[in-house]
Amino acid sequence: MTNLTEARIANVRNHMALEVTHDWDAVIATFEHPRYEMHGGGQVFDGEAAVRRYFDLSRTPFPDQDNEII
């Protein structure tokens, strides 16, 4: 595995772990440009304000949403 691949995997793991703790400032810091694309519904949250809105929309009804990092 290359150093770049290892760094990318570490960033994704860190990002997912930070989502569980709701540390949104730290989550945003893991992006070069914040963007989420919801493949099921087709929604796109592009930019920091939009991604923070996604967190509000998704975590308000499901505050204990978790990620399993494997």
N, C-alpha and C. Protein backbone atom coordinates (compact mmCIF):
# COMPACT_ATOMS: atom_id res chain seq x y z
N MET A 1 0.85 -1.17 0.00
CA MET A 1 0.00 0.00 0.00
C MET A 1 0.90 1.25 0.00
N THR A 2 0.53 2.23 -0.80
CA THR A 2 1.34 3.45 -0.88
C THR A 2 1.05 4.37 0.32
N ASN A 3 1.97 5.29 0.53
CA ASN A 3 1.77 6.27 1.61
C ASN A 3 0.51 7.09 1.38
N LEU A 4 0.23 7.44 0.13
CA LEU A 4 -0.97 8.21 -0.18
C LEU A 4 -2.22 7.42 0.16
N THR A 5 -2.25 6.15 -0.20
CA THR A 5 -3.40 5.30 0.12
C THR A 5 -3.58 5.19 1.62
N GLU A 6 -2.51 4.98 2.35
CA GLU A 6 -2.58 4.89 3.80
C GLU A 6 -3.10 6.20 4.41
N ALA A 7 -2.65 7.32 3.88
CA ALA A 7 -3.11 8.63 4.38
C ALA A 7 -4.59 8.83 4.10
N ARG A 8 -5.04 8.41 2.93
CA ARG A 8 -6.46 8.54 2.60
C ARG A 8 -7.33 7.67 3.50
N ILE A 9 -6.90 6.46 3.73
CA ILE A 9 -7.65 5.55 4.61
C ILE A 9 -7.70 6.13 6.03
N ALA A 10 -6.59 6.64 6.51
CA ALA A 10 -6.55 7.23 7.85
C ALA A 10 -7.49 8.43 7.94
N ASN A 11 -7.53 9.25 6.88
CA ASN A 11 -8.42 10.41 6.88
C ASN A 11 -9.88 9.99 6.92
N VAL A 12 -10.24 8.97 6.15
CA VAL A 12 -11.63 8.50 6.14
C VAL A 12 -12.00 7.92 7.50
N ARG A 13 -11.12 7.13 8.09
CA ARG A 13 -11.40 6.57 9.41
C ARG A 13 -11.57 7.67 10.45
N ASN A 14 -10.70 8.66 10.40
CA ASN A 14 -10.79 9.79 11.32
C ASN A 14 -12.11 10.53 11.10
N HIS A 15 -12.46 10.79 9.86
CA HIS A 15 -13.70 11.47 9.51
C HIS A 15 -14.91 10.73 10.09
N MET A 16 -14.97 9.44 9.87
CA MET A 16 -16.10 8.65 10.34
C MET A 16 -16.17 8.62 11.86
N ALA A 17 -15.04 8.51 12.52
CA ALA A 17 -15.01 8.51 13.99
C ALA A 17 -15.47 9.86 14.53
N LEU A 18 -15.09 10.95 13.89
CA LEU A 18 -15.50 12.28 14.33
C LEU A 18 -16.99 12.50 14.13
N GLU A 19 -17.57 11.91 13.08
CA GLU A 19 -19.01 12.02 12.88
C GLU A 19 -19.77 11.42 14.07
N VAL A 20 -19.27 10.32 14.61
CA VAL A 20 -19.93 9.65 15.74
C VAL A 20 -19.95 10.56 16.97
N THR A 21 -18.91 11.34 17.15
CA THR A 21 -18.83 12.22 18.33
C THR A 21 -19.46 13.59 18.07
N HIS A 22 -19.94 13.81 16.85
CA HIS A 22 -20.58 15.07 16.45
C HIS A 22 -19.63 16.26 16.56
N ASP A 23 -18.36 16.03 16.30
CA ASP A 23 -17.37 17.11 16.29
C ASP A 23 -17.33 17.68 14.87
N TRP A 24 -18.35 18.49 14.56
CA TRP A 24 -18.54 18.93 13.18
C TRP A 24 -17.40 19.80 12.67
N ASP A 25 -16.81 20.62 13.52
CA ASP A 25 -15.67 21.43 13.08
C ASP A 25 -14.52 20.53 12.64
N ALA A 26 -14.25 19.50 13.40
CA ALA A 26 -13.16 18.58 13.05
C ALA A 26 -13.52 17.76 11.80
N VAL A 27 -14.80 17.38 11.67
CA VAL A 27 -15.22 16.66 10.46
C VAL A 27 -14.99 17.54 9.24
N ILE A 28 -15.44 18.79 9.31
CA ILE A 28 -15.26 19.72 8.18
C ILE A 28 -13.78 19.84 7.83
N ALA A 29 -12.93 19.82 8.83
CA ALA A 29 -11.48 19.96 8.59
C ALA A 29 -10.90 18.77 7.83
N THR A 30 -11.61 17.64 7.77
CA THR A 30 -11.10 16.49 7.03
C THR A 30 -11.32 16.61 5.52
N PHE A 31 -12.11 17.60 5.10
CA PHE A 31 -12.38 17.83 3.68
C PHE A 31 -11.43 18.87 3.10
N GLU A 32 -11.10 18.72 1.85
CA GLU A 32 -10.51 19.84 1.12
C GLU A 32 -11.65 20.78 0.72
N HIS A 33 -12.75 20.19 0.25
CA HIS A 33 -13.98 20.92 -0.06
C HIS A 33 -15.14 20.07 0.43
N PRO A 34 -15.86 20.52 1.46
CA PRO A 34 -16.96 19.70 2.01
C PRO A 34 -18.04 19.42 0.97
N ARG A 35 -18.38 18.13 0.83
CA ARG A 35 -19.42 17.72 -0.12
C ARG A 35 -19.89 16.32 0.22
N TYR A 36 -21.19 16.16 0.30
CA TYR A 36 -21.81 14.85 0.46
C TYR A 36 -22.79 14.65 -0.69
N GLU A 37 -22.76 13.48 -1.29
CA GLU A 37 -23.71 13.11 -2.32
C GLU A 37 -24.47 11.89 -1.82
N MET A 38 -25.79 12.03 -1.73
CA MET A 38 -26.65 10.94 -1.28
C MET A 38 -27.12 10.16 -2.51
N HIS A 39 -26.54 9.00 -2.71
CA HIS A 39 -26.82 8.24 -3.93
C HIS A 39 -28.25 7.71 -3.97
N GLY A 40 -28.82 7.36 -2.85
CA GLY A 40 -30.17 6.83 -2.84
C GLY A 40 -31.21 7.85 -3.26
N GLY A 41 -31.11 9.05 -2.70
CA GLY A 41 -32.10 10.09 -2.98
C GLY A 41 -31.64 11.14 -3.96
N GLY A 42 -30.36 11.13 -4.27
CA GLY A 42 -29.82 12.07 -5.24
C GLY A 42 -29.51 13.45 -4.70
N GLN A 43 -29.65 13.66 -3.40
CA GLN A 43 -29.36 14.98 -2.84
C GLN A 43 -27.86 15.22 -2.83
N VAL A 44 -27.49 16.47 -3.02
CA VAL A 44 -26.09 16.89 -2.95
C VAL A 44 -25.99 18.04 -1.95
N PHE A 45 -25.07 17.91 -1.02
CA PHE A 45 -24.78 18.96 -0.04
C PHE A 45 -23.36 19.44 -0.36
N ASP A 46 -23.27 20.59 -1.01
CA ASP A 46 -22.00 21.07 -1.53
C ASP A 46 -21.60 22.34 -0.80
N GLY A 47 -20.43 22.31 -0.18
CA GLY A 47 -19.93 23.45 0.57
C GLY A 47 -20.15 23.26 2.07
N GLU A 48 -19.41 24.02 2.85
CA GLU A 48 -19.45 23.83 4.30
C GLU A 48 -20.84 24.05 4.88
N ALA A 49 -21.51 25.12 4.49
CA ALA A 49 -22.84 25.40 5.04
C ALA A 49 -23.82 24.28 4.71
N ALA A 50 -23.76 23.77 3.49
CA ALA A 50 -24.67 22.70 3.08
C ALA A 50 -24.36 21.40 3.82
N VAL A 51 -23.09 21.09 4.02
CA VAL A 51 -22.73 19.87 4.75
C VAL A 51 -23.14 19.99 6.21
N ARG A 52 -22.96 21.14 6.81
CA ARG A 52 -23.43 21.34 8.19
C ARG A 52 -24.95 21.19 8.27
N ARG A 53 -25.66 21.65 7.24
CA ARG A 53 -27.12 21.47 7.19
C ARG A 53 -27.46 19.98 7.13
N TYR A 54 -26.69 19.22 6.35
CA TYR A 54 -26.89 17.77 6.29
C TYR A 54 -26.74 17.15 7.68
N PHE A 55 -25.71 17.57 8.41
CA PHE A 55 -25.52 17.04 9.77
C PHE A 55 -26.75 17.33 10.62
N ASP A 56 -27.25 18.57 10.55
CA ASP A 56 -28.45 18.93 11.32
C ASP A 56 -29.64 18.07 10.91
N LEU A 57 -29.84 17.92 9.61
CA LEU A 57 -30.99 17.16 9.11
C LEU A 57 -30.91 15.68 9.46
N SER A 58 -29.71 15.13 9.43
CA SER A 58 -29.57 13.68 9.64
C SER A 58 -29.37 13.30 11.10
N ARG A 59 -28.79 14.18 11.89
CA ARG A 59 -28.49 13.82 13.27
C ARG A 59 -29.58 14.24 14.25
N THR A 60 -30.42 15.18 13.87
CA THR A 60 -31.52 15.56 14.76
C THR A 60 -32.46 14.38 14.98
N PRO A 61 -32.94 13.72 13.91
CA PRO A 61 -33.83 12.58 14.15
C PRO A 61 -33.09 11.32 14.60
N PHE A 62 -31.78 11.25 14.32
CA PHE A 62 -30.99 10.06 14.66
C PHE A 62 -29.71 10.48 15.37
N PRO A 63 -29.81 11.01 16.61
CA PRO A 63 -28.63 11.53 17.29
C PRO A 63 -27.60 10.46 17.64
N ASP A 64 -28.02 9.22 17.68
CA ASP A 64 -27.08 8.15 18.04
C ASP A 64 -26.60 7.38 16.80
N GLN A 65 -26.76 7.99 15.62
CA GLN A 65 -26.26 7.35 14.39
C GLN A 65 -24.77 7.06 14.57
N ASP A 66 -24.38 5.88 14.18
CA ASP A 66 -23.02 5.43 14.39
C ASP A 66 -22.45 4.90 13.09
N ASN A 67 -21.16 4.81 13.01
CA ASN A 67 -20.48 4.20 11.87
C ASN A 67 -19.62 3.06 12.40
N GLU A 68 -19.64 1.97 11.69
CA GLU A 68 -18.73 0.87 12.04
C GLU A 68 -17.54 0.95 11.13
N ILE A 69 -16.41 1.20 11.70
CA ILE A 69 -15.18 1.33 10.93
C ILE A 69 -14.51 -0.03 10.86
N ILE A 70 -14.44 -0.59 9.66
CA ILE A 70 -13.85 -1.93 9.49
C ILE A 70 -12.64 -1.88 8.59
